[in-house]
N, C-alpha and C. Protein backbone atom coordinates (compact mmCIF):
# COMPACT_ATOMS: atom_id res chain seq x y z
N MET A 1 -7.07 -51.23 20.88
CA MET A 1 -6.10 -50.34 20.30
C MET A 1 -4.91 -50.23 21.25
N THR A 2 -3.73 -50.39 20.70
CA THR A 2 -2.53 -50.35 21.54
C THR A 2 -2.06 -48.91 21.73
N LEU A 3 -1.14 -48.75 22.64
CA LEU A 3 -0.61 -47.44 22.93
C LEU A 3 0.12 -46.87 21.71
N GLY A 4 0.80 -47.70 20.96
CA GLY A 4 1.49 -47.27 19.75
C GLY A 4 0.51 -46.76 18.70
N GLU A 5 -0.62 -47.47 18.55
CA GLU A 5 -1.64 -47.04 17.59
C GLU A 5 -2.26 -45.70 18.01
N ILE A 6 -2.47 -45.53 19.30
CA ILE A 6 -3.03 -44.27 19.80
C ILE A 6 -2.06 -43.12 19.52
N LYS A 7 -0.76 -43.36 19.72
CA LYS A 7 0.25 -42.34 19.42
C LYS A 7 0.24 -42.00 17.94
N ASP A 8 0.10 -42.99 17.08
CA ASP A 8 0.07 -42.76 15.64
C ASP A 8 -1.15 -41.91 15.24
N VAL A 9 -2.32 -42.24 15.80
CA VAL A 9 -3.53 -41.48 15.51
C VAL A 9 -3.38 -40.04 16.01
N ALA A 10 -2.82 -39.88 17.19
CA ALA A 10 -2.62 -38.54 17.75
C ALA A 10 -1.65 -37.74 16.88
N ALA A 11 -0.61 -38.39 16.39
CA ALA A 11 0.36 -37.71 15.52
C ALA A 11 -0.31 -37.28 14.21
N ILE A 12 -1.11 -38.17 13.64
CA ILE A 12 -1.81 -37.84 12.39
C ILE A 12 -2.78 -36.68 12.60
N LEU A 13 -3.53 -36.74 13.71
CA LEU A 13 -4.44 -35.63 14.02
C LEU A 13 -3.68 -34.32 14.22
N GLY A 14 -2.52 -34.40 14.86
CA GLY A 14 -1.69 -33.21 15.05
C GLY A 14 -1.23 -32.62 13.72
N ILE A 15 -0.87 -33.50 12.79
CA ILE A 15 -0.44 -33.04 11.47
C ILE A 15 -1.61 -32.39 10.73
N VAL A 16 -2.79 -33.00 10.82
CA VAL A 16 -3.97 -32.44 10.16
C VAL A 16 -4.31 -31.06 10.74
N VAL A 17 -4.27 -30.93 12.05
CA VAL A 17 -4.57 -29.65 12.69
C VAL A 17 -3.52 -28.61 12.30
N ALA A 18 -2.25 -29.01 12.28
CA ALA A 18 -1.18 -28.08 11.90
C ALA A 18 -1.35 -27.63 10.45
N ALA A 19 -1.69 -28.55 9.57
CA ALA A 19 -1.90 -28.19 8.16
C ALA A 19 -3.08 -27.23 8.02
N GLY A 20 -4.14 -27.50 8.76
CA GLY A 20 -5.30 -26.60 8.73
C GLY A 20 -4.95 -25.21 9.25
N SER A 21 -4.15 -25.17 10.30
CA SER A 21 -3.72 -23.88 10.85
C SER A 21 -2.87 -23.12 9.85
N LEU A 22 -1.97 -23.80 9.17
CA LEU A 22 -1.14 -23.15 8.16
C LEU A 22 -1.98 -22.64 6.99
N ALA A 23 -2.94 -23.43 6.56
CA ALA A 23 -3.82 -23.00 5.47
C ALA A 23 -4.63 -21.78 5.89
N SER A 24 -5.13 -21.80 7.10
CA SER A 24 -5.89 -20.66 7.61
C SER A 24 -5.02 -19.41 7.71
N ALA A 25 -3.80 -19.56 8.18
CA ALA A 25 -2.87 -18.42 8.29
C ALA A 25 -2.53 -17.87 6.91
N ALA A 26 -2.33 -18.76 5.93
CA ALA A 26 -2.02 -18.32 4.57
C ALA A 26 -3.19 -17.54 3.97
N LEU A 27 -4.40 -18.03 4.16
CA LEU A 27 -5.59 -17.33 3.67
C LEU A 27 -5.73 -15.97 4.33
N ASN A 28 -5.53 -15.94 5.64
CA ASN A 28 -5.61 -14.67 6.37
C ASN A 28 -4.56 -13.69 5.87
N LEU A 29 -3.36 -14.16 5.60
CA LEU A 29 -2.30 -13.29 5.09
C LEU A 29 -2.67 -12.72 3.73
N MET A 30 -3.21 -13.55 2.85
CA MET A 30 -3.61 -13.07 1.52
C MET A 30 -4.69 -12.01 1.62
N LEU A 31 -5.67 -12.23 2.48
CA LEU A 31 -6.74 -11.26 2.66
C LEU A 31 -6.22 -9.95 3.26
N THR A 32 -5.29 -10.05 4.19
CA THR A 32 -4.71 -8.87 4.81
C THR A 32 -3.91 -8.06 3.79
N VAL A 33 -3.16 -8.74 2.95
CA VAL A 33 -2.39 -8.04 1.91
C VAL A 33 -3.34 -7.31 0.97
N ARG A 34 -4.40 -7.97 0.55
CA ARG A 34 -5.37 -7.32 -0.34
C ARG A 34 -6.03 -6.12 0.33
N THR A 35 -6.38 -6.27 1.59
CA THR A 35 -7.02 -5.18 2.32
C THR A 35 -6.07 -3.99 2.46
N ASN A 36 -4.82 -4.27 2.83
CA ASN A 36 -3.86 -3.19 2.99
C ASN A 36 -3.55 -2.51 1.67
N ARG A 37 -3.50 -3.26 0.59
CA ARG A 37 -3.28 -2.66 -0.72
C ARG A 37 -4.45 -1.74 -1.09
N ALA A 38 -5.65 -2.18 -0.80
CA ALA A 38 -6.83 -1.34 -1.09
C ALA A 38 -6.80 -0.07 -0.24
N LYS A 39 -6.45 -0.20 1.04
CA LYS A 39 -6.34 0.97 1.91
C LYS A 39 -5.29 1.94 1.38
N PHE A 40 -4.16 1.40 0.92
CA PHE A 40 -3.11 2.24 0.38
C PHE A 40 -3.61 3.04 -0.82
N TRP A 41 -4.29 2.37 -1.74
CA TRP A 41 -4.78 3.07 -2.93
C TRP A 41 -5.82 4.12 -2.58
N LEU A 42 -6.67 3.83 -1.61
CA LEU A 42 -7.65 4.84 -1.18
C LEU A 42 -6.97 6.05 -0.56
N GLU A 43 -5.95 5.79 0.25
CA GLU A 43 -5.22 6.89 0.88
C GLU A 43 -4.46 7.70 -0.18
N LEU A 44 -3.89 7.02 -1.15
CA LEU A 44 -3.17 7.72 -2.21
C LEU A 44 -4.11 8.57 -3.04
N ARG A 45 -5.27 8.03 -3.38
CA ARG A 45 -6.26 8.81 -4.13
C ARG A 45 -6.73 10.01 -3.33
N SER A 46 -6.91 9.84 -2.04
CA SER A 46 -7.31 10.95 -1.18
C SER A 46 -6.23 12.02 -1.16
N ALA A 47 -4.98 11.60 -1.07
CA ALA A 47 -3.88 12.57 -1.06
C ALA A 47 -3.82 13.33 -2.38
N PHE A 48 -4.00 12.62 -3.49
CA PHE A 48 -4.00 13.29 -4.78
C PHE A 48 -5.17 14.28 -4.88
N ALA A 49 -6.31 13.90 -4.36
CA ALA A 49 -7.48 14.77 -4.43
C ALA A 49 -7.26 16.06 -3.63
N LYS A 50 -6.59 15.95 -2.49
CA LYS A 50 -6.33 17.13 -1.66
C LYS A 50 -5.39 18.12 -2.37
N HIS A 51 -4.53 17.59 -3.21
CA HIS A 51 -3.54 18.43 -3.88
C HIS A 51 -3.80 18.52 -5.38
N ASP A 52 -5.03 18.35 -5.79
CA ASP A 52 -5.36 18.32 -7.22
C ASP A 52 -5.01 19.64 -7.91
N ASP A 53 -5.27 20.76 -7.24
CA ASP A 53 -4.97 22.05 -7.86
C ASP A 53 -3.47 22.21 -8.12
N VAL A 54 -2.63 21.78 -7.17
CA VAL A 54 -1.18 21.85 -7.35
C VAL A 54 -0.76 20.90 -8.48
N HIS A 55 -1.33 19.71 -8.47
CA HIS A 55 -1.00 18.72 -9.50
C HIS A 55 -1.32 19.26 -10.89
N ARG A 56 -2.47 19.87 -11.04
CA ARG A 56 -2.86 20.42 -12.35
C ARG A 56 -1.94 21.57 -12.78
N LYS A 57 -1.51 22.38 -11.82
CA LYS A 57 -0.61 23.48 -12.16
C LYS A 57 0.77 22.99 -12.58
N LEU A 58 1.20 21.84 -12.04
CA LEU A 58 2.52 21.31 -12.36
C LEU A 58 2.54 20.48 -13.65
N ARG A 59 1.41 20.03 -14.11
CA ARG A 59 1.34 19.20 -15.33
C ARG A 59 1.73 20.00 -16.56
N PRO A 60 2.15 19.31 -17.63
CA PRO A 60 2.43 20.02 -18.88
C PRO A 60 1.20 20.82 -19.32
N GLY A 61 1.44 22.08 -19.67
CA GLY A 61 0.35 22.96 -20.04
C GLY A 61 -0.27 23.66 -18.85
N GLY A 62 0.12 23.28 -17.64
CA GLY A 62 -0.41 23.90 -16.44
C GLY A 62 0.24 25.25 -16.19
N GLU A 63 -0.30 25.95 -15.24
CA GLU A 63 0.14 27.31 -14.92
C GLU A 63 1.62 27.36 -14.54
N TRP A 64 2.14 26.32 -13.84
CA TRP A 64 3.52 26.32 -13.38
C TRP A 64 4.43 25.46 -14.26
N ALA A 65 3.93 24.92 -15.35
CA ALA A 65 4.74 24.03 -16.19
C ALA A 65 5.81 24.80 -16.95
N THR A 66 5.58 26.04 -17.22
CA THR A 66 6.56 26.85 -17.93
C THR A 66 7.49 27.52 -16.94
N ASN A 67 8.21 28.51 -17.36
CA ASN A 67 9.12 29.21 -16.47
C ASN A 67 8.40 30.10 -15.45
N ALA A 68 7.08 30.23 -15.59
CA ALA A 68 6.34 31.09 -14.66
C ALA A 68 6.49 30.59 -13.23
N GLY A 69 6.23 29.32 -13.01
CA GLY A 69 6.39 28.71 -11.70
C GLY A 69 5.60 29.40 -10.61
N PRO A 70 5.71 28.90 -9.40
CA PRO A 70 5.03 29.54 -8.27
C PRO A 70 5.69 30.88 -7.96
N ARG A 71 4.89 31.80 -7.49
CA ARG A 71 5.40 33.16 -7.25
C ARG A 71 5.48 33.53 -5.77
N SER A 72 4.63 32.96 -4.97
CA SER A 72 4.60 33.36 -3.56
C SER A 72 5.06 32.22 -2.67
N THR A 73 5.34 32.54 -1.42
CA THR A 73 5.74 31.50 -0.48
C THR A 73 4.59 30.52 -0.24
N GLU A 74 3.37 30.98 -0.34
CA GLU A 74 2.23 30.09 -0.17
C GLU A 74 2.18 29.06 -1.30
N GLU A 75 2.47 29.50 -2.52
CA GLU A 75 2.46 28.57 -3.65
C GLU A 75 3.61 27.57 -3.53
N TYR A 76 4.78 28.02 -3.06
CA TYR A 76 5.88 27.09 -2.83
C TYR A 76 5.52 26.09 -1.73
N ALA A 77 4.85 26.55 -0.70
CA ALA A 77 4.42 25.67 0.39
C ALA A 77 3.44 24.62 -0.12
N GLN A 78 2.59 24.99 -1.07
CA GLN A 78 1.66 24.02 -1.66
C GLN A 78 2.44 22.91 -2.38
N ILE A 79 3.47 23.28 -3.10
CA ILE A 79 4.28 22.29 -3.81
C ILE A 79 4.99 21.38 -2.83
N ILE A 80 5.58 21.96 -1.80
CA ILE A 80 6.30 21.16 -0.81
C ILE A 80 5.34 20.20 -0.12
N GLY A 81 4.17 20.69 0.26
CA GLY A 81 3.17 19.82 0.88
C GLY A 81 2.75 18.69 -0.04
N TYR A 82 2.59 19.00 -1.30
CA TYR A 82 2.21 17.99 -2.31
C TYR A 82 3.28 16.92 -2.42
N VAL A 83 4.52 17.33 -2.61
CA VAL A 83 5.61 16.38 -2.83
C VAL A 83 5.90 15.56 -1.58
N VAL A 84 5.95 16.22 -0.43
CA VAL A 84 6.25 15.52 0.82
C VAL A 84 5.17 14.49 1.12
N LYS A 85 3.92 14.84 0.94
CA LYS A 85 2.82 13.91 1.22
C LYS A 85 2.94 12.68 0.33
N GLU A 86 3.19 12.89 -0.96
CA GLU A 86 3.28 11.76 -1.89
C GLU A 86 4.48 10.90 -1.56
N CYS A 87 5.61 11.50 -1.24
CA CYS A 87 6.81 10.73 -0.91
C CYS A 87 6.63 9.91 0.36
N ARG A 88 5.97 10.48 1.35
CA ARG A 88 5.72 9.72 2.59
C ARG A 88 4.86 8.50 2.32
N ILE A 89 3.82 8.70 1.54
CA ILE A 89 2.92 7.58 1.24
C ILE A 89 3.67 6.50 0.47
N LEU A 90 4.43 6.88 -0.52
CA LEU A 90 5.14 5.91 -1.34
C LEU A 90 6.27 5.23 -0.57
N ALA A 91 6.97 5.96 0.27
CA ALA A 91 8.07 5.38 1.03
C ALA A 91 7.59 4.42 2.10
N ARG A 92 6.39 4.64 2.60
CA ARG A 92 5.86 3.78 3.66
C ARG A 92 5.69 2.35 3.20
N ASP A 93 5.34 2.18 1.96
CA ASP A 93 5.09 0.83 1.43
C ASP A 93 5.89 0.66 0.15
N ARG A 94 7.09 0.13 0.28
CA ARG A 94 7.99 0.02 -0.87
C ARG A 94 7.39 -0.78 -2.02
N ALA A 95 6.69 -1.83 -1.71
CA ALA A 95 6.09 -2.65 -2.77
C ALA A 95 5.03 -1.85 -3.52
N ALA A 96 4.27 -1.08 -2.78
CA ALA A 96 3.24 -0.27 -3.43
C ALA A 96 3.86 0.83 -4.27
N SER A 97 4.98 1.39 -3.83
CA SER A 97 5.61 2.45 -4.61
C SER A 97 6.11 1.90 -5.92
N ALA A 98 6.59 0.65 -5.94
CA ALA A 98 7.03 0.04 -7.19
C ALA A 98 5.83 -0.14 -8.11
N ARG A 99 4.70 -0.52 -7.55
CA ARG A 99 3.51 -0.69 -8.36
C ARG A 99 3.03 0.66 -8.91
N VAL A 100 3.15 1.71 -8.12
CA VAL A 100 2.74 3.03 -8.57
C VAL A 100 3.62 3.46 -9.72
N SER A 101 4.93 3.28 -9.60
CA SER A 101 5.82 3.70 -10.67
C SER A 101 5.59 2.88 -11.93
N ASP A 102 5.21 1.62 -11.78
CA ASP A 102 4.90 0.80 -12.96
C ASP A 102 3.65 1.31 -13.67
N ARG A 103 2.71 1.86 -12.93
CA ARG A 103 1.46 2.31 -13.52
C ARG A 103 1.54 3.75 -14.03
N ALA A 104 2.52 4.48 -13.57
CA ALA A 104 2.63 5.90 -13.96
C ALA A 104 3.06 6.04 -15.42
């Protein structure tokens, strides 16, 4: 085997290794995206569960849906906590917020 042939084999092996590395990185990226999306949905569901009472009061037919609204500073604080928490979660991941609005 000549030196030129050895260089050609080394170059081909380098290309194969590089292609394998790219394929592995692409697979890892896809799995990471899926994992992060699942974590986002779990965190969002947890946030909704923590503020379920406020959410129910704000829905149509709820206690605050009419002109009654919240009456005390504690009730206003519950609304602010609810809205701020949801906005932070949605703003953190713009792609996920678009998906949330599509599903709403």
